[in-house]
């Protein structure tokens, strides 16, 4: 059995992960948040959102 690679899902994951990381680190988007643990959590949410989007993309 031959496995198919879904390149569209890989591209969507990468774009979402990089865009969220860029928005969290290179902009002042998170500068108003006082809690450092929340800032760390929000900086790492990009890959999780990308995985969720790809999972939804595969299922539909």
Protein backbone atom coordinates (compact mmCIF):
# COMPACT_ATOMS: atom_id res chain seq x y z
CA UNK A 1 0.00 0.00 0.00
CA UNK A 2 1.34 3.39 -1.01
CA UNK A 3 1.05 6.28 1.43
CA UNK A 4 0.05 9.63 0.01
CA UNK A 5 1.67 12.73 1.44
CA UNK A 6 -0.70 15.65 1.84
CA UNK A 7 1.54 18.56 0.89
CA UNK A 8 -1.33 21.02 1.27
CA UNK A 9 -1.66 20.14 4.95
CA UNK A 10 2.09 20.53 5.45
CA UNK A 11 2.06 23.98 3.85
CA UNK A 12 -0.98 25.08 5.90
CA UNK A 13 0.69 23.89 9.11
CA UNK A 14 3.94 25.68 8.33
CA UNK A 15 2.29 28.96 7.33
CA UNK A 16 0.08 29.08 10.43
CA UNK A 17 2.92 28.13 12.79
CA UNK A 18 5.33 30.69 11.35
CA UNK A 19 2.72 33.46 11.13
CA UNK A 20 1.64 33.00 14.75
CA UNK A 21 5.23 32.84 15.96
CA UNK A 22 6.12 35.99 14.03
CA UNK A 23 3.10 37.84 15.40
CA UNK A 24 3.96 36.80 18.96
CA UNK A 25 7.69 37.56 18.86
CA UNK A 26 8.34 40.33 16.33
CA UNK A 27 5.32 42.56 17.05
CA UNK A 28 4.06 44.24 20.20
CA UNK A 29 0.96 42.07 20.23
CA UNK A 30 1.77 40.44 23.58
CA UNK A 31 3.43 43.45 25.22
CA UNK A 32 0.35 44.32 27.28
CA UNK A 33 0.19 40.93 29.01
CA UNK A 34 1.70 40.99 32.51
CA UNK A 35 1.78 37.25 33.21
CA UNK A 36 5.03 35.75 31.82
CA UNK A 37 3.62 32.21 31.78
CA UNK A 38 0.73 33.31 29.59
CA UNK A 39 3.15 35.03 27.21
CA UNK A 40 5.19 31.82 26.91
CA UNK A 41 2.01 29.85 26.28
CA UNK A 42 0.81 32.25 23.61
CA UNK A 43 4.20 32.23 21.87
CA UNK A 44 3.95 28.47 21.44
CA UNK A 45 0.33 28.27 20.34
CA UNK A 46 1.17 28.55 16.61
CA UNK A 47 2.11 24.91 16.04
CA UNK A 48 -0.94 23.79 17.98
CA UNK A 49 -3.23 25.95 15.83
CA UNK A 50 -1.49 24.71 12.70
CA UNK A 51 -1.95 21.09 13.73
CA UNK A 52 -5.61 21.70 14.50
CA UNK A 53 -6.15 23.36 11.12
CA UNK A 54 -4.40 20.51 9.30
CA UNK A 55 -6.36 17.92 11.19
CA UNK A 56 -9.60 19.62 10.21
CA UNK A 57 -8.33 19.89 6.63
CA UNK A 58 -7.66 16.15 6.48
CA UNK A 59 -10.99 15.14 7.94
CA UNK A 60 -13.10 17.16 5.50
